[in-house]
Amino acid sequence: MNTRPTSALIESLFNQSKEYASNRLDLLKLKSIDKTSSVASAVITGVVLFVVFFIFFVVLNIGIALLIGDLLDRAWLGFLILAAVYAIVGFVIFKGREKFFKTPVLQMLIRKFL
């Protein structure tokens, strides 16, 4: 026969339930912190890499424009030709922005959070 009164058993069960709920909440907080830090680190890494490659890209393009201009004996023409090439590339990217950017970025964010 059980020597503990029913009220003591109910109180013990209530305390265990409270502790379980507290542990679940702590686990949820830790999981959300993990996901948020993972996304934040990916964004920060992406920004740093973007800045480095952007500087490289700008310097490289100035060199290419000057080279084209030197070959054509007009520096401004090299910059104009390079600008026209990038206008065409920009138009192609603009037309395919859903396929090239929006969908992959959304899928990456969904994978990170889930």
N, C-alpha and C. Protein backbone atom coordinates (compact mmCIF):
# COMPACT_ATOMS: atom_id res chain seq x y z
N MET A 1 0.83 -1.17 0.00
CA MET A 1 0.00 0.00 0.00
C MET A 1 0.88 1.24 0.00
N ASN A 2 0.41 2.27 -0.59
CA ASN A 2 1.16 3.51 -0.71
C ASN A 2 1.09 4.28 0.60
N THR A 3 2.29 4.68 1.10
CA THR A 3 2.32 5.40 2.37
C THR A 3 2.23 6.90 2.19
N ARG A 4 2.49 7.38 0.98
CA ARG A 4 2.42 8.83 0.74
C ARG A 4 0.97 9.23 0.46
N PRO A 5 0.55 10.33 1.01
CA PRO A 5 -0.81 10.79 0.72
C PRO A 5 -0.94 11.22 -0.74
N THR A 6 -2.15 11.21 -1.23
CA THR A 6 -2.44 11.58 -2.62
C THR A 6 -2.01 13.00 -2.92
N SER A 7 -2.17 13.92 -1.97
CA SER A 7 -1.78 15.31 -2.20
C SER A 7 -0.27 15.45 -2.41
N ALA A 8 0.51 14.62 -1.72
CA ALA A 8 1.96 14.66 -1.90
C ALA A 8 2.33 14.14 -3.29
N LEU A 9 1.65 13.11 -3.76
CA LEU A 9 1.91 12.59 -5.11
C LEU A 9 1.54 13.63 -6.18
N ILE A 10 0.42 14.28 -5.99
CA ILE A 10 -0.01 15.31 -6.95
C ILE A 10 0.98 16.47 -6.94
N GLU A 11 1.44 16.85 -5.75
CA GLU A 11 2.42 17.95 -5.65
C GLU A 11 3.73 17.56 -6.33
N SER A 12 4.17 16.32 -6.14
CA SER A 12 5.39 15.84 -6.79
C SER A 12 5.23 15.84 -8.31
N LEU A 13 4.08 15.37 -8.78
CA LEU A 13 3.81 15.36 -10.21
C LEU A 13 3.77 16.78 -10.77
N PHE A 14 3.16 17.68 -10.05
CA PHE A 14 3.10 19.08 -10.47
C PHE A 14 4.50 19.69 -10.56
N ASN A 15 5.35 19.42 -9.56
CA ASN A 15 6.72 19.95 -9.56
C ASN A 15 7.53 19.38 -10.72
N GLN A 16 7.35 18.08 -11.00
CA GLN A 16 8.06 17.47 -12.12
C GLN A 16 7.58 18.06 -13.45
N SER A 17 6.29 18.31 -13.55
CA SER A 17 5.75 18.92 -14.77
C SER A 17 6.28 20.32 -14.97
N LYS A 18 6.36 21.06 -13.86
CA LYS A 18 6.90 22.42 -13.93
C LYS A 18 8.37 22.40 -14.36
N GLU A 19 9.14 21.47 -13.82
CA GLU A 19 10.55 21.36 -14.18
C GLU A 19 10.70 20.95 -15.65
N TYR A 20 9.84 20.03 -16.11
CA TYR A 20 9.86 19.61 -17.51
C TYR A 20 9.57 20.79 -18.43
N ALA A 21 8.55 21.57 -18.10
CA ALA A 21 8.20 22.73 -18.92
C ALA A 21 9.34 23.74 -18.94
N SER A 22 9.97 23.94 -17.79
CA SER A 22 11.11 24.86 -17.71
C SER A 22 12.27 24.37 -18.57
N ASN A 23 12.54 23.07 -18.53
CA ASN A 23 13.61 22.49 -19.35
C ASN A 23 13.31 22.61 -20.83
N ARG A 24 12.06 22.38 -21.22
CA ARG A 24 11.67 22.52 -22.62
C ARG A 24 11.84 23.96 -23.10
N LEU A 25 11.46 24.91 -22.25
CA LEU A 25 11.61 26.32 -22.60
C LEU A 25 13.09 26.68 -22.77
N ASP A 26 13.93 26.17 -21.86
CA ASP A 26 15.37 26.42 -21.98
C ASP A 26 15.92 25.82 -23.26
N LEU A 27 15.46 24.61 -23.60
CA LEU A 27 15.91 23.96 -24.83
C LEU A 27 15.48 24.76 -26.06
N LEU A 28 14.26 25.26 -26.05
CA LEU A 28 13.77 26.08 -27.15
C LEU A 28 14.60 27.36 -27.29
N LYS A 29 14.93 27.99 -26.17
CA LYS A 29 15.76 29.20 -26.20
C LYS A 29 17.13 28.89 -26.79
N LEU A 30 17.74 27.78 -26.36
CA LEU A 30 19.07 27.42 -26.86
C LEU A 30 19.04 27.10 -28.35
N LYS A 31 17.98 26.42 -28.80
CA LYS A 31 17.87 26.12 -30.23
C LYS A 31 17.70 27.39 -31.05
N SER A 32 16.90 28.33 -30.55
CA SER A 32 16.70 29.57 -31.30
C SER A 32 17.98 30.41 -31.31
N ILE A 33 18.73 30.40 -30.22
CA ILE A 33 20.01 31.11 -30.19
C ILE A 33 20.97 30.47 -31.18
N ASP A 34 20.99 29.14 -31.25
CA ASP A 34 21.87 28.44 -32.18
C ASP A 34 21.53 28.80 -33.62
N LYS A 35 20.25 28.77 -33.96
CA LYS A 35 19.84 29.09 -35.34
C LYS A 35 20.14 30.54 -35.68
N THR A 36 19.85 31.45 -34.74
CA THR A 36 20.10 32.87 -34.99
C THR A 36 21.59 33.15 -35.16
N SER A 37 22.41 32.54 -34.31
CA SER A 37 23.85 32.77 -34.43
C SER A 37 24.40 32.17 -35.72
N SER A 38 23.83 31.06 -36.15
CA SER A 38 24.25 30.46 -37.41
C SER A 38 23.94 31.37 -38.60
N VAL A 39 22.73 31.92 -38.62
CA VAL A 39 22.35 32.83 -39.69
C VAL A 39 23.18 34.11 -39.62
N ALA A 40 23.36 34.65 -38.41
CA ALA A 40 24.14 35.89 -38.25
C ALA A 40 25.58 35.69 -38.72
N SER A 41 26.19 34.56 -38.37
CA SER A 41 27.57 34.33 -38.80
C SER A 41 27.66 34.17 -40.31
N ALA A 42 26.66 33.53 -40.90
CA ALA A 42 26.65 33.40 -42.37
C ALA A 42 26.51 34.77 -43.03
N VAL A 43 25.67 35.63 -42.48
CA VAL A 43 25.49 36.98 -43.03
C VAL A 43 26.76 37.80 -42.88
N ILE A 44 27.38 37.76 -41.72
CA ILE A 44 28.61 38.53 -41.49
C ILE A 44 29.72 38.04 -42.41
N THR A 45 29.86 36.73 -42.53
CA THR A 45 30.88 36.18 -43.43
C THR A 45 30.61 36.62 -44.87
N GLY A 46 29.35 36.57 -45.27
CA GLY A 46 28.98 37.00 -46.62
C GLY A 46 29.29 38.46 -46.87
N VAL A 47 29.02 39.32 -45.88
CA VAL A 47 29.29 40.75 -46.03
C VAL A 47 30.79 41.00 -46.14
N VAL A 48 31.58 40.36 -45.30
CA VAL A 48 33.04 40.55 -45.35
C VAL A 48 33.59 40.08 -46.70
N LEU A 49 33.16 38.90 -47.14
CA LEU A 49 33.62 38.41 -48.44
C LEU A 49 33.17 39.32 -49.57
N PHE A 50 31.95 39.85 -49.48
CA PHE A 50 31.46 40.76 -50.50
C PHE A 50 32.33 42.01 -50.58
N VAL A 51 32.69 42.58 -49.44
CA VAL A 51 33.51 43.80 -49.43
C VAL A 51 34.88 43.52 -50.04
N VAL A 52 35.50 42.40 -49.66
CA VAL A 52 36.83 42.07 -50.19
C VAL A 52 36.76 41.87 -51.70
N PHE A 53 35.80 41.08 -52.15
CA PHE A 53 35.69 40.83 -53.59
C PHE A 53 35.25 42.07 -54.35
N PHE A 54 34.46 42.94 -53.72
CA PHE A 54 34.05 44.17 -54.37
C PHE A 54 35.27 45.07 -54.63
N ILE A 55 36.13 45.22 -53.64
CA ILE A 55 37.34 46.03 -53.82
C ILE A 55 38.22 45.43 -54.91
N PHE A 56 38.41 44.10 -54.87
CA PHE A 56 39.19 43.43 -55.90
C PHE A 56 38.59 43.66 -57.28
N PHE A 57 37.27 43.53 -57.37
CA PHE A 57 36.57 43.68 -58.63
C PHE A 57 36.71 45.09 -59.19
N VAL A 58 36.59 46.10 -58.33
CA VAL A 58 36.70 47.49 -58.78
C VAL A 58 38.11 47.77 -59.31
N VAL A 59 39.11 47.35 -58.56
CA VAL A 59 40.50 47.59 -59.00
C VAL A 59 40.78 46.83 -60.30
N LEU A 60 40.32 45.60 -60.39
CA LEU A 60 40.52 44.82 -61.61
C LEU A 60 39.85 45.50 -62.81
N ASN A 61 38.63 46.00 -62.62
CA ASN A 61 37.92 46.66 -63.72
C ASN A 61 38.56 47.97 -64.14
N ILE A 62 39.10 48.70 -63.20
CA ILE A 62 39.83 49.92 -63.57
C ILE A 62 41.03 49.55 -64.44
N GLY A 63 41.73 48.48 -64.04
CA GLY A 63 42.87 48.03 -64.84
C GLY A 63 42.45 47.58 -66.22
N ILE A 64 41.37 46.84 -66.33
CA ILE A 64 40.89 46.37 -67.63
C ILE A 64 40.45 47.56 -68.50
N ALA A 65 39.74 48.51 -67.90
CA ALA A 65 39.30 49.68 -68.66
C ALA A 65 40.49 50.48 -69.17
N LEU A 66 41.51 50.64 -68.33
CA LEU A 66 42.71 51.37 -68.77
C LEU A 66 43.45 50.60 -69.87
N LEU A 67 43.47 49.26 -69.76
CA LEU A 67 44.11 48.45 -70.80
C LEU A 67 43.37 48.59 -72.13
N ILE A 68 42.05 48.48 -72.10
CA ILE A 68 41.26 48.65 -73.33
C ILE A 68 41.47 50.06 -73.90
N GLY A 69 41.43 51.04 -73.02
CA GLY A 69 41.65 52.42 -73.46
C GLY A 69 43.03 52.62 -74.07
N ASP A 70 44.04 51.95 -73.48
CA ASP A 70 45.40 52.06 -74.01
C ASP A 70 45.49 51.41 -75.39
N LEU A 71 44.79 50.28 -75.55
CA LEU A 71 44.81 49.61 -76.85
C LEU A 71 44.10 50.43 -77.93
N LEU A 72 43.09 51.22 -77.51
CA LEU A 72 42.34 52.04 -78.47
C LEU A 72 42.82 53.49 -78.51
N ASP A 73 43.87 53.81 -77.77
CA ASP A 73 44.47 55.15 -77.68
C ASP A 73 43.51 56.20 -77.11
N ARG A 74 42.47 55.77 -76.40
CA ARG A 74 41.55 56.70 -75.71
C ARG A 74 41.11 56.03 -74.42
N ALA A 75 41.56 56.56 -73.29
CA ALA A 75 41.26 55.96 -71.99
C ALA A 75 39.76 55.94 -71.73
N TRP A 76 39.06 57.00 -72.11
CA TRP A 76 37.63 57.07 -71.83
C TRP A 76 36.85 56.00 -72.57
N LEU A 77 37.35 55.59 -73.74
CA LEU A 77 36.67 54.58 -74.53
C LEU A 77 36.71 53.21 -73.84
N GLY A 78 37.80 52.93 -73.16
CA GLY A 78 37.90 51.68 -72.40
C GLY A 78 36.86 51.62 -71.30
N PHE A 79 36.67 52.73 -70.59
CA PHE A 79 35.67 52.78 -69.53
C PHE A 79 34.26 52.68 -70.12
N LEU A 80 34.04 53.31 -71.27
CA LEU A 80 32.74 53.27 -71.91
C LEU A 80 32.39 51.86 -72.37
N ILE A 81 33.34 51.17 -72.96
CA ILE A 81 33.10 49.79 -73.43
C ILE A 81 32.81 48.87 -72.24
N LEU A 82 33.59 49.02 -71.18
CA LEU A 82 33.38 48.20 -70.00
C LEU A 82 32.02 48.49 -69.35
N ALA A 83 31.63 49.75 -69.35
CA ALA A 83 30.32 50.12 -68.82
C ALA A 83 29.20 49.50 -69.64
N ALA A 84 29.36 49.46 -70.96
CA ALA A 84 28.36 48.85 -71.83
C ALA A 84 28.25 47.35 -71.57
N VAL A 85 29.38 46.70 -71.36
CA VAL A 85 29.37 45.26 -71.05
C VAL A 85 28.61 45.02 -69.75
N TYR A 86 28.87 45.85 -68.74
CA TYR A 86 28.20 45.67 -67.45
C TYR A 86 26.72 46.06 -67.51
N ALA A 87 26.36 46.94 -68.40
CA ALA A 87 24.95 47.26 -68.59
C ALA A 87 24.21 46.06 -69.15
N ILE A 88 24.82 45.37 -70.08
CA ILE A 88 24.21 44.16 -70.65
C ILE A 88 24.11 43.07 -69.59
N VAL A 89 25.19 42.85 -68.83
CA VAL A 89 25.17 41.85 -67.75
C VAL A 89 24.12 42.21 -66.71
N GLY A 90 24.02 43.48 -66.36
CA GLY A 90 23.02 43.92 -65.39
C GLY A 90 21.61 43.68 -65.87
N PHE A 91 21.36 43.90 -67.15
CA PHE A 91 20.03 43.66 -67.71
C PHE A 91 19.68 42.17 -67.64
N VAL A 92 20.63 41.31 -67.96
CA VAL A 92 20.40 39.86 -67.91
C VAL A 92 20.11 39.43 -66.46
N ILE A 93 20.89 39.94 -65.52
CA ILE A 93 20.67 39.61 -64.11
C ILE A 93 19.33 40.13 -63.64
N PHE A 94 18.96 41.33 -64.07
CA PHE A 94 17.67 41.90 -63.68
C PHE A 94 16.52 41.03 -64.17
N LYS A 95 16.62 40.56 -65.40
CA LYS A 95 15.56 39.72 -65.96
C LYS A 95 15.46 38.37 -65.24
N GLY A 96 16.59 37.85 -64.75
CA GLY A 96 16.59 36.54 -64.09
C GLY A 96 16.74 36.62 -62.58
N ARG A 97 16.36 37.76 -61.98
CA ARG A 97 16.58 37.96 -60.54
C ARG A 97 15.82 36.95 -59.68
N GLU A 98 14.63 36.55 -60.10
CA GLU A 98 13.86 35.56 -59.33
C GLU A 98 14.61 34.22 -59.30
N LYS A 99 15.05 33.80 -60.47
CA LYS A 99 15.71 32.50 -60.60
C LYS A 99 17.09 32.50 -59.96
N PHE A 100 17.85 33.58 -60.15
CA PHE A 100 19.23 33.60 -59.70
C PHE A 100 19.40 34.00 -58.23
N PHE A 101 18.51 34.84 -57.70
CA PHE A 101 18.73 35.39 -56.37
C PHE A 101 17.62 35.08 -55.37
N LYS A 102 16.40 35.44 -55.70
CA LYS A 102 15.32 35.36 -54.72
C LYS A 102 15.08 33.92 -54.25
N THR A 103 14.90 33.01 -55.16
CA THR A 103 14.61 31.62 -54.81
C THR A 103 15.77 30.96 -54.04
N PRO A 104 17.03 31.06 -54.50
CA PRO A 104 18.12 30.44 -53.74
C PRO A 104 18.31 31.05 -52.34
N VAL A 105 18.15 32.36 -52.21
CA VAL A 105 18.32 32.99 -50.90
C VAL A 105 17.22 32.55 -49.95
N LEU A 106 15.98 32.50 -50.44
CA LEU A 106 14.88 32.04 -49.60
C LEU A 106 15.08 30.58 -49.18
N GLN A 107 15.52 29.75 -50.09
CA GLN A 107 15.76 28.35 -49.75
C GLN A 107 16.87 28.20 -48.73
N MET A 108 17.93 29.01 -48.85
CA MET A 108 19.04 28.95 -47.89
C MET A 108 18.56 29.37 -46.50
N LEU A 109 17.75 30.43 -46.43
CA LEU A 109 17.25 30.89 -45.14
C LEU A 109 16.31 29.86 -44.51
N ILE A 110 15.47 29.25 -45.32
CA ILE A 110 14.57 28.22 -44.79
C ILE A 110 15.37 27.02 -44.26
N ARG A 111 16.41 26.60 -45.00
CA ARG A 111 17.25 25.50 -44.52
C ARG A 111 17.95 25.85 -43.21
N LYS A 112 18.43 27.09 -43.10
CA LYS A 112 19.12 27.51 -41.88
C LYS A 112 18.19 27.50 -40.67
N PHE A 113 16.96 27.98 -40.87
CA PHE A 113 16.04 28.08 -39.74
C PHE A 113 15.38 26.75 -39.40
N LEU A 114 15.25 25.85 -40.36
CA LEU A 114 14.61 24.57 -40.08
C LEU A 114 15.66 23.52 -39.85
